Amino acid sequence: MKSVDLQKLIQRIRFNRAIVLLLLLVLVAIGAVPSYLTGNWSWTDVPDITNLTQIRNIRKTGLDLPSWQTVEQKPINLGGHEWSYQELKGDYPKPIVLLMLPQGYRRNQPQVEWVDIDGVFQWQTDSYTKLNFKVQTSPLVTKTDSNPKNSTNNPTIAEVEARFFRAWTQQQTFAVVQWYAWPKGGNPATRHWFWLDQIAQLSRQRVPWVAVCLQIPIEPLGNLEASRPLAESLSKMIQTALITGPFSGA
């Protein structure tokens, strides 16, 4: 009888601890999320982003993508923010547009970039789906370390979930891919970056980001899925170029 009572007591203590932990997590979320959404959360003693200059330069330089020629690249203002506009020409009938908004300051956070894009282009949208892909990057090897046992042989895998949809105006229909890219992955939802950045700050690190919007012209109200292979191929190139370029110091 006493053994049964002891087991019940232990179970009750464990349950109470779980409730307390859950309440603490809820309190943290209640305190952090509203401040994040309003842009007023505290950035006191927040670590700097070491490669922020490289990331900012995306506005001026764009990205070099294998087998694709940059016809035009320039900074443009969209929704009050300065984006990189890049027109790409390759094995495709029409030029493809790559828009990127890099993080400009350590206090910048992704918020309503997709709403800004919708407002600027005034397009209609449908056929929303996901575009999931993985990017394998070369392992980092420290040149100053002569001991091969200390080098990193495992490649870095970045997993990205982008949103993929059809958009059209009176002049053109597009297959659109959108996501927030960061060094180890990407997602179109801001909350994913937010929690990753919060966790990184615990070890005095940061997670830099770049908003990516890829616009592939297709036939008027054409089949979205027909452009999926090209959309995935280009998206992989973009993520890889970011990781090996502007994000390389992160």
Protein backbone atom coordinates (compact mmCIF):
# COMPACT_ATOMS: atom_id res chain seq x y z
CA MET A 1 0.00 0.00 0.00
CA LYS A 2 2.80 2.39 0.92
CA SER A 3 4.59 1.53 -2.34
CA VAL A 4 1.48 2.47 -4.34
CA ASP A 5 1.14 5.76 -2.45
CA LEU A 6 4.83 6.55 -3.06
CA GLN A 7 4.45 5.93 -6.79
CA LYS A 8 1.43 8.22 -6.91
CA LEU A 9 3.37 10.91 -5.04
CA ILE A 10 6.31 10.66 -7.48
CA GLN A 11 3.95 10.86 -10.46
CA ARG A 12 2.24 13.89 -8.95
CA ILE A 13 5.60 15.66 -8.39
CA ARG A 14 6.65 14.96 -11.98
CA PHE A 15 3.32 16.21 -13.27
CA ASN A 16 3.60 19.41 -11.21
CA ARG A 17 7.13 20.01 -12.51
CA ALA A 18 5.89 19.59 -16.08
CA ILE A 19 3.10 22.09 -15.44
CA VAL A 20 5.55 24.62 -13.97
CA LEU A 21 7.91 24.21 -16.95
CA LEU A 22 5.03 24.65 -19.38
CA LEU A 23 3.87 27.79 -17.58
CA LEU A 24 7.40 29.22 -17.73
CA LEU A 25 7.56 28.58 -21.48
CA VAL A 26 4.17 30.25 -21.92
CA LEU A 27 5.31 33.27 -19.90
CA VAL A 28 8.47 33.58 -22.01
CA ALA A 29 6.43 33.38 -25.20
CA ILE A 30 3.87 35.91 -23.93
CA GLY A 31 6.68 38.30 -23.03
CA ALA A 32 8.79 37.87 -26.17
CA VAL A 33 6.44 37.34 -29.09
CA PRO A 34 4.29 40.50 -28.78
CA SER A 35 7.42 42.62 -28.40
CA TYR A 36 8.91 40.95 -31.47
CA LEU A 37 5.77 41.54 -33.54
CA THR A 38 5.69 45.23 -32.61
CA GLY A 39 9.44 45.62 -33.14
CA ASN A 40 9.97 46.85 -29.56
CA TRP A 41 11.71 43.88 -28.00
CA SER A 42 14.93 44.52 -26.08
CA TRP A 43 18.22 44.30 -27.97
CA THR A 44 20.38 45.31 -25.02
CA ASP A 45 23.71 43.52 -25.13
CA VAL A 46 22.72 41.56 -28.24
CA PRO A 47 25.70 40.04 -30.10
CA ASP A 48 26.72 41.67 -33.36
CA ILE A 49 26.55 39.93 -36.73
CA THR A 50 30.17 39.54 -37.75
CA ASN A 51 29.56 39.38 -41.52
CA LEU A 52 26.83 42.02 -41.70
CA THR A 53 28.78 44.13 -44.22
CA GLN A 54 28.93 41.20 -46.64
CA ILE A 55 25.21 40.63 -46.26
CA ARG A 56 24.38 44.30 -46.83
CA ASN A 57 26.43 44.30 -50.04
CA ILE A 58 23.91 41.95 -51.64
CA ARG A 59 21.90 45.08 -52.49
CA LYS A 60 24.77 46.31 -54.66
CA THR A 61 26.18 43.07 -56.04
CA GLY A 62 23.40 40.48 -56.14
CA LEU A 63 24.53 36.85 -56.47
CA ASP A 64 26.55 34.94 -59.06
CA LEU A 65 24.64 31.81 -60.10
CA PRO A 66 26.24 29.06 -62.21
CA SER A 67 25.02 28.94 -65.85
CA TRP A 68 22.98 32.12 -65.37
CA GLN A 69 23.96 35.57 -66.64
CA THR A 70 23.00 38.71 -64.75
CA VAL A 71 21.43 41.05 -67.31
CA GLU A 72 20.75 43.79 -64.76
CA GLN A 73 21.32 44.25 -61.05
CA LYS A 74 20.41 47.30 -58.98
CA PRO A 75 19.01 48.34 -55.59
CA ILE A 76 15.29 49.16 -55.72
CA ASN A 77 12.82 50.40 -53.12
CA LEU A 78 9.94 48.06 -52.33
CA GLY A 79 7.61 48.77 -49.45
CA GLY A 80 10.01 51.26 -47.91
CA HIS A 81 12.95 48.83 -47.93
CA GLU A 82 15.94 48.60 -50.26
CA TRP A 83 15.97 45.29 -52.13
CA SER A 84 18.37 43.84 -54.66
CA TYR A 85 16.76 43.51 -58.09
CA GLN A 86 18.52 40.99 -60.30
CA GLU A 87 17.44 39.92 -63.80
CA LEU A 88 18.76 36.51 -64.83
CA LYS A 89 19.15 35.09 -68.31
CA GLY A 90 19.85 31.43 -69.02
CA ASP A 91 18.36 28.36 -70.64
CA TYR A 92 14.83 29.74 -70.38
CA PRO A 93 12.70 31.72 -72.86
CA LYS A 94 12.21 34.76 -70.62
CA PRO A 95 14.34 36.62 -68.04
CA ILE A 96 13.84 35.52 -64.44
CA VAL A 97 13.72 38.06 -61.61
CA LEU A 98 15.46 37.51 -58.28
CA LEU A 99 14.57 39.90 -55.45
CA MET A 100 16.52 39.82 -52.19
CA LEU A 101 16.23 41.89 -49.03
CA PRO A 102 19.31 41.41 -46.83
CA GLN A 103 19.36 42.13 -43.13
CA GLY A 104 20.67 45.68 -42.89
CA TYR A 105 21.31 46.12 -39.16
CA ARG A 106 21.55 43.83 -36.16
CA ARG A 107 18.15 45.06 -34.98
CA ASN A 108 16.42 44.27 -38.26
CA GLN A 109 14.05 41.31 -38.17
CA PRO A 110 11.93 39.70 -40.88
CA GLN A 111 8.32 40.80 -40.56
CA VAL A 112 5.99 41.62 -43.48
CA GLU A 113 8.19 41.32 -46.56
CA TRP A 114 5.70 39.12 -48.45
CA VAL A 115 2.89 41.58 -47.77
CA ASP A 116 5.11 44.36 -49.13
CA ILE A 117 5.76 42.35 -52.30
CA ASP A 118 2.04 41.70 -52.79
CA GLY A 119 1.29 45.38 -52.33
CA VAL A 120 3.92 46.53 -54.82
CA PHE A 121 3.10 44.11 -57.62
CA GLN A 122 -0.67 44.10 -57.06
CA TRP A 123 -0.95 40.56 -58.35
CA GLN A 124 -3.52 37.84 -57.86
CA THR A 125 -2.31 34.56 -56.34
CA ASP A 126 -3.40 30.95 -56.01
CA SER A 127 -2.13 27.34 -55.96
CA TYR A 128 -0.10 27.80 -52.77
CA THR A 129 2.12 24.84 -51.97
CA LYS A 130 5.57 24.07 -50.52
CA LEU A 131 8.96 23.71 -52.13
CA ASN A 132 11.28 21.67 -49.92
CA PHE A 133 14.92 21.16 -50.74
CA LYS A 134 18.29 20.46 -49.15
CA VAL A 135 21.62 22.06 -49.95
CA GLN A 136 24.92 20.37 -49.21
CA THR A 137 27.85 22.70 -48.79
CA SER A 138 31.56 21.94 -48.65
CA PRO A 139 32.98 21.24 -45.17
CA LEU A 140 35.05 23.97 -43.58
CA VAL A 141 38.72 23.13 -43.13
CA THR A 142 40.95 25.24 -40.92
CA LYS A 143 44.10 26.05 -42.88
CA THR A 144 46.17 26.71 -39.77
CA ASP A 145 45.40 23.27 -38.35
CA SER A 146 47.94 20.77 -39.70
CA ASN A 147 46.33 17.82 -37.93
CA PRO A 148 43.80 16.18 -40.29
CA LYS A 149 42.01 14.64 -37.31
CA ASN A 150 40.88 18.12 -36.26
CA SER A 151 39.39 19.04 -39.63
CA THR A 152 35.66 18.83 -40.23
CA ASN A 153 34.83 16.14 -42.79
CA ASN A 154 31.08 16.21 -42.42
CA PRO A 155 29.30 18.42 -44.98
CA THR A 156 26.83 21.02 -43.82
CA ILE A 157 23.25 20.28 -44.83
CA ALA A 158 20.85 23.23 -45.05
CA GLU A 159 17.17 22.27 -45.12
CA VAL A 160 14.85 24.84 -46.67
CA GLU A 161 11.08 25.03 -46.84
CA ALA A 162 9.87 27.72 -49.26
CA ARG A 163 6.40 28.70 -50.29
CA PHE A 164 5.63 28.11 -53.96
CA PHE A 165 2.64 29.66 -55.69
CA ARG A 166 1.25 31.15 -58.87
CA ALA A 167 0.86 34.92 -59.25
CA TRP A 168 -0.42 36.97 -62.15
CA THR A 169 -1.11 40.49 -63.33
CA GLN A 170 -2.77 41.65 -66.54
CA GLN A 171 0.60 41.42 -68.29
CA GLN A 172 2.30 38.28 -66.92
CA THR A 173 1.91 35.07 -64.90
CA PHE A 174 4.70 33.91 -62.57
CA ALA A 175 5.74 30.89 -60.59
CA VAL A 176 6.93 32.47 -57.33
CA VAL A 177 9.24 31.04 -54.67
CA GLN A 178 9.66 32.88 -51.35
CA TRP A 179 11.64 32.12 -48.20
CA TYR A 180 13.83 33.68 -45.53
CA ALA A 181 17.30 32.23 -46.01
CA TRP A 182 19.82 31.79 -43.19
CA PRO A 183 23.14 29.90 -42.99
CA LYS A 184 21.69 26.52 -42.02
CA GLY A 185 18.31 26.59 -43.73
CA GLY A 186 15.30 28.72 -44.48
CA ASN A 187 11.54 29.10 -44.13
CA PRO A 188 8.89 31.59 -45.30
CA ALA A 189 7.51 32.02 -41.75
CA THR A 190 9.23 34.57 -39.50
CA ARG A 191 8.72 32.57 -36.31
CA HIS A 192 11.22 29.94 -37.40
CA TRP A 193 13.99 32.54 -37.66
CA PHE A 194 12.91 34.19 -34.40
CA TRP A 195 13.34 31.10 -32.24
CA LEU A 196 16.58 30.06 -33.95
CA ASP A 197 18.01 33.52 -33.33
CA GLN A 198 16.91 33.47 -29.69
CA ILE A 199 18.61 30.11 -29.16
CA ALA A 200 21.77 31.31 -30.93
CA GLN A 201 21.99 34.33 -28.62
CA LEU A 202 22.33 32.00 -25.64
CA SER A 203 25.82 31.18 -26.96
CA ARG A 204 26.52 34.79 -27.99
CA GLN A 205 25.81 34.12 -31.66
CA ARG A 206 23.27 35.36 -34.20
CA VAL A 207 21.33 34.02 -37.18
CA PRO A 208 21.53 36.48 -40.11
CA TRP A 209 18.79 36.39 -42.74
CA VAL A 210 17.98 37.36 -46.31
CA ALA A 211 14.46 37.49 -47.76
CA VAL A 212 14.34 35.80 -51.18
CA CYS A 213 11.62 36.20 -53.82
CA LEU A 214 12.14 34.36 -57.11
CA GLN A 215 9.80 35.18 -60.00
CA ILE A 216 9.73 32.78 -62.97
CA PRO A 217 7.55 33.90 -65.93
CA ILE A 218 5.22 31.14 -67.17
CA GLU A 219 2.39 30.86 -69.70
CA PRO A 220 -0.77 32.86 -68.89
CA LEU A 221 -2.36 31.04 -65.94
CA GLY A 222 -0.03 28.13 -66.75
CA ASN A 223 0.52 24.96 -64.75
CA LEU A 224 2.55 25.78 -61.64
CA GLU A 225 3.91 22.25 -61.20
CA ALA A 226 5.51 22.32 -64.65
CA SER A 227 7.95 24.95 -63.37
CA ARG A 228 8.79 23.13 -60.12
CA PRO A 229 12.06 21.53 -61.38
CA LEU A 230 13.43 24.89 -62.53
CA ALA A 231 12.21 26.62 -59.37
CA GLU A 232 13.93 24.03 -57.18
CA SER A 233 17.15 24.14 -59.19
CA LEU A 234 17.40 27.93 -59.00
CA SER A 235 16.43 28.00 -55.33
CA LYS A 236 19.21 25.55 -54.51
CA MET A 237 21.71 27.72 -56.39
CA ILE A 238 20.56 30.82 -54.50
CA GLN A 239 20.76 29.15 -51.07
CA THR A 240 24.19 27.71 -51.89
CA ALA A 241 25.48 31.08 -53.15
CA LEU A 242 24.30 32.75 -49.93
CA ILE A 243 25.89 30.11 -47.69
CA THR A 244 29.24 30.11 -49.48
CA GLY A 245 29.21 33.88 -50.00
CA PRO A 246 27.58 36.47 -47.69
CA PHE A 247 26.77 33.93 -44.95
CA SER A 248 30.23 32.34 -44.96
CA GLY A 249 31.40 34.32 -41.93
CA ALA A 250 28.34 33.50 -39.82
